[in-house]
Protein backbone atom coordinates (compact mmCIF):
# COMPACT_ATOMS: atom_id res chain seq x y z
CA UNK A 1 0.00 0.00 0.00
CA UNK A 2 1.37 3.42 -0.94
CA UNK A 3 1.83 5.90 1.93
CA UNK A 4 0.44 9.38 1.39
CA UNK A 5 1.23 12.71 3.02
CA UNK A 6 -0.81 15.88 2.67
CA UNK A 7 0.30 19.02 0.90
CA UNK A 8 -0.32 20.95 4.13
CA UNK A 9 2.16 18.73 6.00
CA UNK A 10 4.80 19.36 3.30
CA UNK A 11 4.25 23.12 3.60
CA UNK A 12 4.68 22.89 7.39
CA UNK A 13 7.92 20.94 6.94
CA UNK A 14 9.19 23.59 4.51
CA UNK A 15 8.24 26.49 6.85
CA UNK A 16 10.04 24.75 9.70
CA UNK A 17 13.19 24.62 7.57
CA UNK A 18 13.07 20.85 7.18
CA UNK A 19 13.85 19.07 3.95
CA UNK A 20 11.76 15.92 4.23
CA UNK A 21 13.04 12.73 2.60
CA UNK A 22 10.32 11.71 0.12
CA UNK A 23 11.34 8.03 0.36
CA UNK A 24 11.13 8.10 4.14
CA UNK A 25 7.66 9.61 3.84
CA UNK A 26 6.62 6.96 1.32
CA UNK A 27 6.42 9.43 -1.55
CA UNK A 28 9.22 7.98 -3.64
CA UNK A 29 7.33 4.79 -4.42
CA UNK A 30 5.79 4.32 -7.83
CA UNK A 31 2.07 3.65 -7.73
CA UNK A 32 1.16 0.04 -8.36
CA UNK A 33 -0.22 -0.93 -11.73
CA UNK A 34 -3.88 -1.84 -11.01
CA UNK A 35 -3.78 -4.77 -13.45
CA UNK A 36 -0.46 -6.37 -12.63
CA UNK A 37 0.23 -5.06 -9.13
CA UNK A 38 3.69 -3.94 -10.20
CA UNK A 39 5.39 -1.28 -12.25
CA UNK A 40 5.13 -1.45 -16.03
CA UNK A 41 7.88 -3.46 -17.70
CA UNK A 42 8.69 -2.47 -21.26
CA UNK A 43 9.78 -5.45 -23.35
CA UNK A 44 12.31 -4.85 -26.12
CA UNK A 45 10.93 -4.98 -29.64
CA UNK A 46 10.91 -8.69 -30.59
CA UNK A 47 11.55 -8.13 -34.31
CA UNK A 48 14.38 -5.68 -33.66
CA UNK A 49 16.05 -8.10 -31.24
CA UNK A 50 15.61 -11.08 -33.57
CA UNK A 51 16.93 -9.21 -36.62
CA UNK A 52 19.95 -7.94 -34.68
CA UNK A 53 20.70 -11.47 -33.41
CA UNK A 54 20.20 -12.89 -36.92
CA UNK A 55 22.58 -10.35 -38.46
CA UNK A 56 25.20 -10.99 -35.76
CA UNK A 57 25.03 -14.78 -36.15
CA UNK A 58 24.48 -15.14 -39.89
CA UNK A 59 26.27 -12.14 -41.39
CA UNK A 60 27.20 -13.10 -44.94
CA UNK A 61 24.93 -16.16 -44.74
CA UNK A 62 21.89 -13.91 -44.28
CA UNK A 63 18.78 -14.65 -46.29
CA UNK A 64 17.55 -11.06 -45.92
CA UNK A 65 18.62 -8.25 -48.22
CA UNK A 66 19.09 -6.00 -45.18
CA UNK A 67 18.23 -5.62 -41.51
CA UNK A 68 15.46 -3.22 -42.56
CA UNK A 69 13.92 -5.92 -44.76
CA UNK A 70 14.15 -8.37 -41.85
CA UNK A 71 12.30 -5.99 -39.52
CA UNK A 72 9.65 -5.18 -42.13
CA UNK A 73 8.87 -8.80 -42.93
CA UNK A 74 9.04 -9.91 -39.31
CA UNK A 75 6.30 -7.50 -38.29
CA UNK A 76 3.72 -9.17 -40.54
CA UNK A 77 4.64 -12.83 -40.40
CA UNK A 78 3.19 -15.36 -37.97
CA UNK A 79 3.55 -19.09 -37.66
CA UNK A 80 0.58 -21.34 -38.31
CA UNK A 81 -0.19 -21.61 -34.60
CA UNK A 82 -0.22 -17.83 -34.19
CA UNK A 83 3.16 -17.45 -32.49
CA UNK A 84 4.98 -14.33 -33.61
CA UNK A 85 7.53 -14.93 -36.32
CA UNK A 86 10.31 -13.39 -34.25
CA UNK A 87 9.87 -15.83 -31.35
CA UNK A 88 9.88 -18.91 -33.59
CA UNK A 89 12.86 -17.72 -35.60
CA UNK A 90 14.70 -16.66 -32.45
CA UNK A 91 14.20 -20.15 -31.03
CA UNK A 92 15.67 -21.67 -34.21
CA UNK A 93 18.56 -19.19 -34.14
CA UNK A 94 19.42 -20.11 -30.54
CA UNK A 95 20.69 -23.48 -31.84
CA UNK A 96 23.34 -21.72 -33.98
CA UNK A 97 26.89 -23.07 -33.95
CA UNK A 98 29.62 -22.58 -36.55
CA UNK A 99 29.13 -26.22 -37.58
CA UNK A 100 25.38 -25.91 -38.32
CA UNK A 101 25.37 -22.19 -39.16
CA UNK A 102 24.27 -22.40 -42.79
CA UNK A 103 21.33 -24.67 -41.98
CA UNK A 104 20.24 -22.63 -38.94
CA UNK A 105 20.51 -19.32 -40.83
CA UNK A 106 18.35 -20.71 -43.62
CA UNK A 107 15.68 -22.01 -41.22
CA UNK A 108 15.75 -18.90 -39.01
CA UNK A 109 15.46 -16.74 -42.14
CA UNK A 110 12.47 -15.56 -44.16
CA UNK A 111 11.65 -18.89 -45.84
CA UNK A 112 11.69 -21.21 -42.84
CA UNK A 113 10.54 -24.82 -42.86
CA UNK A 114 9.98 -24.54 -39.11
CA UNK A 115 8.43 -21.06 -38.87
CA UNK A 116 6.78 -20.57 -42.26
CA UNK A 117 7.43 -17.90 -44.83
CA UNK A 118 7.85 -14.26 -43.91
CA UNK A 119 7.18 -13.21 -47.49
CA UNK A 120 3.45 -13.04 -46.82
CA UNK A 121 1.10 -10.92 -48.88
CA UNK A 122 -1.53 -8.96 -46.98
CA UNK A 123 -3.34 -5.69 -47.55
CA UNK A 124 -2.05 -4.45 -44.20
CA UNK A 125 1.55 -4.97 -45.26
CA UNK A 126 1.02 -3.43 -48.70
CA UNK A 127 -0.75 -0.34 -47.34
CA UNK A 128 1.82 0.17 -44.59
CA UNK A 129 4.79 -0.22 -46.94
CA UNK A 130 3.21 1.91 -49.66
CA UNK A 131 2.44 4.67 -47.18
CA UNK A 132 5.97 4.54 -45.70
CA UNK A 133 7.69 4.52 -49.10
CA UNK A 134 5.34 6.65 -51.15
CA UNK A 135 3.97 9.17 -48.65
CA UNK A 136 4.54 12.05 -51.09
CA UNK A 137 1.11 11.28 -52.63
CA UNK A 138 0.20 11.71 -56.27
CA UNK A 139 0.31 8.02 -57.20
CA UNK A 140 -1.52 6.59 -54.24
CA UNK A 141 -4.21 6.95 -51.64
CA UNK A 142 -5.66 9.77 -49.60
CA UNK A 143 -5.61 7.58 -46.48
CA UNK A 144 -4.75 4.11 -45.23
CA UNK A 145 -8.44 3.20 -45.02
CA UNK A 146 -8.88 4.02 -48.74
CA UNK A 147 -5.86 1.85 -49.50
CA UNK A 148 -7.36 -1.03 -47.50
CA UNK A 149 -10.75 -0.66 -49.23
CA UNK A 150 -9.11 -0.72 -52.67
CA UNK A 151 -6.83 -3.60 -51.74
CA UNK A 152 -9.67 -5.83 -50.52
CA UNK A 153 -11.00 -6.00 -54.11
CA UNK A 154 -7.61 -6.98 -55.54
CA UNK A 155 -6.15 -10.49 -55.90
CA UNK A 156 -3.45 -10.92 -53.27
CA UNK A 157 -1.18 -13.39 -55.06
CA UNK A 158 -0.03 -13.44 -58.66
CA UNK A 159 -0.56 -16.44 -60.92
CA UNK A 160 2.45 -15.36 -62.97
CA UNK A 161 5.02 -12.56 -62.85
CA UNK A 162 3.53 -9.14 -63.52
CA UNK A 163 -0.09 -10.12 -62.80
CA UNK A 164 -2.35 -7.37 -61.49
CA UNK A 165 -1.99 -8.29 -57.81
CA UNK A 166 -0.87 -7.04 -54.42
CA UNK A 167 2.05 -9.49 -54.55
CA UNK A 168 3.36 -7.81 -57.71
CA UNK A 169 3.10 -4.38 -56.07
CA UNK A 170 4.92 -5.58 -52.95
CA UNK A 171 7.66 -6.90 -55.23
CA UNK A 172 7.98 -3.41 -56.72
CA UNK A 173 8.26 -1.86 -53.25
CA UNK A 174 11.00 -4.34 -52.35
CA UNK A 175 13.19 -3.53 -55.37
CA UNK A 176 15.95 -1.15 -54.29
CA UNK A 177 16.96 -0.52 -57.91
CA UNK A 178 13.85 1.54 -58.55
CA UNK A 179 13.96 4.97 -57.00
CA UNK A 180 11.27 5.44 -55.96
CA UNK A 181 9.30 2.25 -56.70
CA UNK A 182 5.98 4.01 -56.17
CA UNK A 183 4.84 4.12 -59.80
CA UNK A 184 5.15 0.34 -60.16
CA UNK A 185 3.50 -0.27 -56.78
CA UNK A 186 0.66 2.21 -57.22
CA UNK A 187 -2.99 1.24 -57.88
CA UNK A 188 -2.61 2.13 -61.58
CA UNK A 189 0.62 0.28 -62.25
CA UNK A 190 2.03 -0.32 -65.73
CA UNK A 191 4.25 -3.06 -64.28
CA UNK A 192 1.48 -4.98 -62.49
CA UNK A 193 -1.37 -5.62 -64.83
C-alpha atoms as a PDB file:
ATOM      1  CA  UNK A   1       0.000   0.000   0.000  1.00  0.00           C
ATOM      2  CA  UNK A   2       1.370   3.416  -0.937  1.00  0.00           C
ATOM      3  CA  UNK A   3       1.833   5.901   1.927  1.00  0.00           C
ATOM      4  CA  UNK A   4       0.443   9.375   1.388  1.00  0.00           C
ATOM      5  CA  UNK A   5       1.227  12.714   3.022  1.00  0.00           C
ATOM      6  CA  UNK A   6      -0.814  15.875   2.671  1.00  0.00           C
ATOM      7  CA  UNK A   7       0.295  19.021   0.900  1.00  0.00           C
ATOM      8  CA  UNK A   8      -0.316  20.950   4.130  1.00  0.00           C
ATOM      9  CA  UNK A   9       2.164  18.733   5.997  1.00  0.00           C
ATOM     10  CA  UNK A  10       4.801  19.359   3.300  1.00  0.00           C
ATOM     11  CA  UNK A  11       4.249  23.117   3.602  1.00  0.00           C
ATOM     12  CA  UNK A  12       4.681  22.891   7.387  1.00  0.00           C
ATOM     13  CA  UNK A  13       7.923  20.938   6.942  1.00  0.00           C
ATOM     14  CA  UNK A  14       9.186  23.594   4.511  1.00  0.00           C
ATOM     15  CA  UNK A  15       8.237  26.495   6.854  1.00  0.00           C
ATOM     16  CA  UNK A  16      10.044  24.749   9.701  1.00  0.00           C
ATOM     17  CA  UNK A  17      13.190  24.616   7.575  1.00  0.00           C
ATOM     18  CA  UNK A  18      13.068  20.850   7.183  1.00  0.00           C
ATOM     19  CA  UNK A  19      13.854  19.073   3.953  1.00  0.00           C
ATOM     20  CA  UNK A  20      11.760  15.916   4.232  1.00  0.00           C
ATOM     21  CA  UNK A  21      13.042  12.731   2.599  1.00  0.00           C
ATOM     22  CA  UNK A  22      10.322  11.713   0.120  1.00  0.00           C
ATOM     23  CA  UNK A  23      11.343   8.035   0.356  1.00  0.00           C
ATOM     24  CA  UNK A  24      11.129   8.096   4.140  1.00  0.00           C
ATOM     25  CA  UNK A  25       7.657   9.608   3.835  1.00  0.00           C
ATOM     26  CA  UNK A  26       6.621   6.964   1.323  1.00  0.00           C
ATOM     27  CA  UNK A  27       6.415   9.430  -1.547  1.00  0.00           C
ATOM     28  CA  UNK A  28       9.223   7.983  -3.640  1.00  0.00           C
ATOM     29  CA  UNK A  29       7.331   4.786  -4.419  1.00  0.00           C
ATOM     30  CA  UNK A  30       5.790   4.325  -7.832  1.00  0.00           C
ATOM     31  CA  UNK A  31       2.065   3.652  -7.728  1.00  0.00           C
ATOM     32  CA  UNK A  32       1.163   0.039  -8.359  1.00  0.00           C
ATOM     33  CA  UNK A  33      -0.223  -0.926 -11.732  1.00  0.00           C
ATOM     34  CA  UNK A  34      -3.882  -1.839 -11.006  1.00  0.00           C
ATOM     35  CA  UNK A  35      -3.783  -4.766 -13.453  1.00  0.00           C
ATOM     36  CA  UNK A  36      -0.459  -6.372 -12.626  1.00  0.00           C
ATOM     37  CA  UNK A  37       0.231  -5.059  -9.130  1.00  0.00           C
ATOM     38  CA  UNK A  38       3.690  -3.939 -10.202  1.00  0.00           C
ATOM     39  CA  UNK A  39       5.390  -1.276 -12.254  1.00  0.00           C
ATOM     40  CA  UNK A  40       5.128  -1.454 -16.029  1.00  0.00           C
ATOM     41  CA  UNK A  41       7.885  -3.463 -17.696  1.00  0.00           C
ATOM     42  CA  UNK A  42       8.692  -2.473 -21.262  1.00  0.00           C
ATOM     43  CA  UNK A  43       9.781  -5.448 -23.346  1.00  0.00           C
ATOM     44  CA  UNK A  44      12.306  -4.851 -26.119  1.00  0.00           C
ATOM     45  CA  UNK A  45      10.925  -4.983 -29.643  1.00  0.00           C
ATOM     46  CA  UNK A  46      10.913  -8.687 -30.586  1.00  0.00           C
ATOM     47  CA  UNK A  47      11.554  -8.134 -34.305  1.00  0.00           C
ATOM     48  CA  UNK A  48      14.378  -5.681 -33.665  1.00  0.00           C
ATOM     49  CA  UNK A  49      16.047  -8.101 -31.239  1.00  0.00           C
ATOM     50  CA  UNK A  50      15.609 -11.076 -33.567  1.00  0.00           C
ATOM     51  CA  UNK A  51      16.926  -9.205 -36.617  1.00  0.00           C
ATOM     52  CA  UNK A  52      19.953  -7.944 -34.680  1.00  0.00           C
ATOM     53  CA  UNK A  53      20.704 -11.474 -33.414  1.00  0.00           C
ATOM     54  CA  UNK A  54      20.204 -12.889 -36.917  1.00  0.00           C
ATOM     55  CA  UNK A  55      22.584 -10.354 -38.458  1.00  0.00           C
ATOM     56  CA  UNK A  56      25.200 -10.993 -35.758  1.00  0.00           C
ATOM     57  CA  UNK A  57      25.028 -14.780 -36.148  1.00  0.00           C
ATOM     58  CA  UNK A  58      24.484 -15.135 -39.886  1.00  0.00           C
ATOM     59  CA  UNK A  59      26.265 -12.135 -41.394  1.00  0.00           C
ATOM     60  CA  UNK A  60      27.205 -13.105 -44.943  1.00  0.00           C
ATOM     61  CA  UNK A  61      24.929 -16.162 -44.743  1.00  0.00           C
ATOM     62  CA  UNK A  62      21.890 -13.911 -44.278  1.00  0.00           C
ATOM     63  CA  UNK A  63      18.784 -14.648 -46.290  1.00  0.00           C
ATOM     64  CA  UNK A  64      17.545 -11.056 -45.916  1.00  0.00           C
ATOM     65  CA  UNK A  65      18.621  -8.253 -48.222  1.00  0.00           C
ATOM     66  CA  UNK A  66      19.090  -5.995 -45.179  1.00  0.00           C
ATOM     67  CA  UNK A  67      18.225  -5.625 -41.511  1.00  0.00           C
ATOM     68  CA  UNK A  68      15.464  -3.220 -42.560  1.00  0.00           C
ATOM     69  CA  UNK A  69      13.917  -5.922 -44.764  1.00  0.00           C
ATOM     70  CA  UNK A  70      14.147  -8.373 -41.854  1.00  0.00           C
ATOM     71  CA  UNK A  71      12.301  -5.990 -39.518  1.00  0.00           C
ATOM     72  CA  UNK A  72       9.650  -5.176 -42.127  1.00  0.00           C
ATOM     73  CA  UNK A  73       8.867  -8.804 -42.929  1.00  0.00           C
ATOM     74  CA  UNK A  74       9.042  -9.908 -39.306  1.00  0.00           C
ATOM     75  CA  UNK A  75       6.305  -7.496 -38.287  1.00  0.00           C
ATOM     76  CA  UNK A  76       3.724  -9.166 -40.538  1.00  0.00           C
ATOM     77  CA  UNK A  77       4.639 -12.832 -40.395  1.00  0.00           C
ATOM     78  CA  UNK A  78       3.193 -15.357 -37.971  1.00  0.00           C
ATOM     79  CA  UNK A  79       3.553 -19.090 -37.659  1.00  0.00           C
ATOM     80  CA  UNK A  80       0.577 -21.342 -38.305  1.00  0.00           C
ATOM     81  CA  UNK A  81      -0.193 -21.611 -34.598  1.00  0.00           C
ATOM     82  CA  UNK A  82      -0.215 -17.825 -34.191  1.00  0.00           C
ATOM     83  CA  UNK A  83       3.160 -17.448 -32.492  1.00  0.00           C
ATOM     84  CA  UNK A  84       4.981 -14.333 -33.605  1.00  0.00           C
ATOM     85  CA  UNK A  85       7.528 -14.935 -36.321  1.00  0.00           C
ATOM     86  CA  UNK A  86      10.307 -13.390 -34.245  1.00  0.00           C
ATOM     87  CA  UNK A  87       9.874 -15.829 -31.355  1.00  0.00           C
ATOM     88  CA  UNK A  88       9.878 -18.913 -33.585  1.00  0.00           C
ATOM     89  CA  UNK A  89      12.865 -17.725 -35.605  1.00  0.00           C
ATOM     90  CA  UNK A  90      14.703 -16.656 -32.450  1.00  0.00           C
ATOM     91  CA  UNK A  91      14.202 -20.149 -31.026  1.00  0.00           C
ATOM     92  CA  UNK A  92      15.667 -21.673 -34.209  1.00  0.00           C
ATOM     93  CA  UNK A  93      18.559 -19.190 -34.137  1.00  0.00           C
ATOM     94  CA  UNK A  94      19.417 -20.110 -30.545  1.00  0.00           C
ATOM     95  CA  UNK A  95      20.692 -23.477 -31.841  1.00  0.00           C
ATOM     96  CA  UNK A  96      23.344 -21.724 -33.982  1.00  0.00           C
ATOM     97  CA  UNK A  97      26.887 -23.072 -33.950  1.00  0.00           C
ATOM     98  CA  UNK A  98      29.622 -22.584 -36.547  1.00  0.00           C
ATOM     99  CA  UNK A  99      29.128 -26.215 -37.577  1.00  0.00           C
ATOM    100  CA  UNK A 100      25.385 -25.909 -38.321  1.00  0.00           C
ATOM    101  CA  UNK A 101      25.367 -22.190 -39.161  1.00  0.00           C
ATOM    102  CA  UNK A 102      24.274 -22.405 -42.793  1.00  0.00           C
ATOM    103  CA  UNK A 103      21.326 -24.674 -41.977  1.00  0.00           C
ATOM    104  CA  UNK A 104      20.236 -22.626 -38.944  1.00  0.00           C
ATOM    105  CA  UNK A 105      20.505 -19.322 -40.831  1.00  0.00           C
ATOM    106  CA  UNK A 106      18.348 -20.714 -43.617  1.00  0.00           C
ATOM    107  CA  UNK A 107      15.682 -22.012 -41.221  1.00  0.00           C
ATOM    108  CA  UNK A 108      15.755 -18.903 -39.012  1.00  0.00           C
ATOM    109  CA  UNK A 109      15.459 -16.738 -42.137  1.00  0.00           C
ATOM    110  CA  UNK A 110      12.465 -15.557 -44.163  1.00  0.00           C
ATOM    111  CA  UNK A 111      11.646 -18.894 -45.843  1.00  0.00           C
ATOM    112  CA  UNK A 112      11.686 -21.206 -42.844  1.00  0.00           C
ATOM    113  CA  UNK A 113      10.544 -24.821 -42.860  1.00  0.00           C
ATOM    114  CA  UNK A 114       9.983 -24.544 -39.109  1.00  0.00           C
ATOM    115  CA  UNK A 115       8.432 -21.059 -38.868  1.00  0.00           C
ATOM    116  CA  UNK A 116       6.782 -20.571 -42.260  1.00  0.00           C
ATOM    117  CA  UNK A 117       7.432 -17.904 -44.829  1.00  0.00           C
ATOM    118  CA  UNK A 118       7.854 -14.257 -43.914  1.00  0.00           C
ATOM    119  CA  UNK A 119       7.183 -13.213 -47.493  1.00  0.00           C
ATOM    120  CA  UNK A 120       3.455 -13.042 -46.818  1.00  0.00           C
ATOM    121  CA  UNK A 121       1.104 -10.922 -48.881  1.00  0.00           C
ATOM    122  CA  UNK A 122      -1.529  -8.961 -46.982  1.00  0.00           C
ATOM    123  CA  UNK A 123      -3.344  -5.688 -47.549  1.00  0.00           C
ATOM    124  CA  UNK A 124      -2.049  -4.447 -44.204  1.00  0.00           C
ATOM    125  CA  UNK A 125       1.548  -4.973 -45.258  1.00  0.00           C
ATOM    126  CA  UNK A 126       1.016  -3.434 -48.702  1.00  0.00           C
ATOM    127  CA  UNK A 127      -0.750  -0.339 -47.342  1.00  0.00           C
ATOM    128  CA  UNK A 128       1.823   0.174 -44.587  1.00  0.00           C
ATOM    129  CA  UNK A 129       4.793  -0.223 -46.935  1.00  0.00           C
ATOM    130  CA  UNK A 130       3.213   1.905 -49.661  1.00  0.00           C
ATOM    131  CA  UNK A 131       2.443   4.673 -47.182  1.00  0.00           C
ATOM    132  CA  UNK A 132       5.965   4.537 -45.703  1.00  0.00           C
ATOM    133  CA  UNK A 133       7.688   4.515 -49.099  1.00  0.00           C
ATOM    134  CA  UNK A 134       5.341   6.655 -51.152  1.00  0.00           C
ATOM    135  CA  UNK A 135       3.970   9.172 -48.654  1.00  0.00           C
ATOM    136  CA  UNK A 136       4.540  12.046 -51.089  1.00  0.00           C
ATOM    137  CA  UNK A 137       1.112  11.283 -52.626  1.00  0.00           C
ATOM    138  CA  UNK A 138       0.199  11.708 -56.267  1.00  0.00           C
ATOM    139  CA  UNK A 139       0.312   8.022 -57.196  1.00  0.00           C
ATOM    140  CA  UNK A 140      -1.517   6.588 -54.237  1.00  0.00           C
ATOM    141  CA  UNK A 141      -4.207   6.950 -51.645  1.00  0.00           C
ATOM    142  CA  UNK A 142      -5.658   9.772 -49.595  1.00  0.00           C
ATOM    143  CA  UNK A 143      -5.613   7.583 -46.480  1.00  0.00           C
ATOM    144  CA  UNK A 144      -4.747   4.111 -45.234  1.00  0.00           C
ATOM    145  CA  UNK A 145      -8.440   3.197 -45.020  1.00  0.00           C
ATOM    146  CA  UNK A 146      -8.876   4.020 -48.741  1.00  0.00           C
ATOM    147  CA  UNK A 147      -5.855   1.847 -49.496  1.00  0.00           C
ATOM    148  CA  UNK A 148      -7.356  -1.026 -47.499  1.00  0.00           C
ATOM    149  CA  UNK A 149     -10.749  -0.658 -49.229  1.00  0.00           C
ATOM    150  CA  UNK A 150      -9.106  -0.718 -52.673  1.00  0.00           C
ATOM    151  CA  UNK A 151      -6.829  -3.605 -51.743  1.00  0.00           C
ATOM    152  CA  UNK A 152      -9.673  -5.829 -50.521  1.00  0.00           C
ATOM    153  CA  UNK A 153     -11.001  -6.000 -54.105  1.00  0.00           C
ATOM    154  CA  UNK A 154      -7.614  -6.978 -55.539  1.00  0.00           C
ATOM    155  CA  UNK A 155      -6.154 -10.492 -55.899  1.00  0.00           C
ATOM    156  CA  UNK A 156      -3.446 -10.924 -53.271  1.00  0.00           C
ATOM    157  CA  UNK A 157      -1.184 -13.393 -55.061  1.00  0.00           C
ATOM    158  CA  UNK A 158      -0.026 -13.439 -58.657  1.00  0.00           C
ATOM    159  CA  UNK A 159      -0.561 -16.437 -60.917  1.00  0.00           C
ATOM    160  CA  UNK A 160       2.448 -15.358 -62.974  1.00  0.00           C
ATOM    161  CA  UNK A 161       5.018 -12.561 -62.846  1.00  0.00           C
ATOM    162  CA  UNK A 162       3.532  -9.144 -63.522  1.00  0.00           C
ATOM    163  CA  UNK A 163      -0.086 -10.120 -62.796  1.00  0.00           C
ATOM    164  CA  UNK A 164      -2.347  -7.370 -61.486  1.00  0.00           C
ATOM    165  CA  UNK A 165      -1.993  -8.287 -57.811  1.00  0.00           C
ATOM    166  CA  UNK A 166      -0.866  -7.041 -54.417  1.00  0.00           C
ATOM    167  CA  UNK A 167       2.049  -9.491 -54.552  1.00  0.00           C
ATOM    168  CA  UNK A 168       3.361  -7.805 -57.710  1.00  0.00           C
ATOM    169  CA  UNK A 169       3.098  -4.382 -56.073  1.00  0.00           C
ATOM    170  CA  UNK A 170       4.917  -5.576 -52.949  1.00  0.00           C
ATOM    171  CA  UNK A 171       7.661  -6.904 -55.229  1.00  0.00           C
ATOM    172  CA  UNK A 172       7.981  -3.406 -56.716  1.00  0.00           C
ATOM    173  CA  UNK A 173       8.259  -1.859 -53.247  1.00  0.00           C
ATOM    174  CA  UNK A 174      11.002  -4.343 -52.352  1.00  0.00           C
ATOM    175  CA  UNK A 175      13.186  -3.526 -55.375  1.00  0.00           C
ATOM    176  CA  UNK A 176      15.950  -1.145 -54.290  1.00  0.00           C
ATOM    177  CA  UNK A 177      16.959  -0.521 -57.913  1.00  0.00           C
ATOM    178  CA  UNK A 178      13.849   1.538 -58.550  1.00  0.00           C
ATOM    179  CA  UNK A 179      13.961   4.974 -57.001  1.00  0.00           C
ATOM    180  CA  UNK A 180      11.274   5.438 -55.963  1.00  0.00           C
ATOM    181  CA  UNK A 181       9.305   2.254 -56.698  1.00  0.00           C
ATOM    182  CA  UNK A 182       5.976   4.015 -56.173  1.00  0.00           C
ATOM    183  CA  UNK A 183       4.844   4.120 -59.800  1.00  0.00           C
ATOM    184  CA  UNK A 184       5.146   0.339 -60.165  1.00  0.00           C
ATOM    185  CA  UNK A 185       3.503  -0.269 -56.776  1.00  0.00           C
ATOM    186  CA  UNK A 186       0.656   2.215 -57.221  1.00  0.00           C
ATOM    187  CA  UNK A 187      -2.993   1.236 -57.877  1.00  0.00           C
ATOM    188  CA  UNK A 188      -2.615   2.127 -61.579  1.00  0.00           C
ATOM    189  CA  UNK A 189       0.617   0.280 -62.252  1.00  0.00           C
ATOM    190  CA  UNK A 190       2.031  -0.319 -65.729  1.00  0.00           C
ATOM    191  CA  UNK A 191       4.253  -3.062 -64.281  1.00  0.00           C
ATOM    192  CA  UNK A 192       1.482  -4.982 -62.494  1.00  0.00           C
ATOM    193  CA  UNK A 193      -1.373  -5.622 -64.833  1.00  0.00           C
END
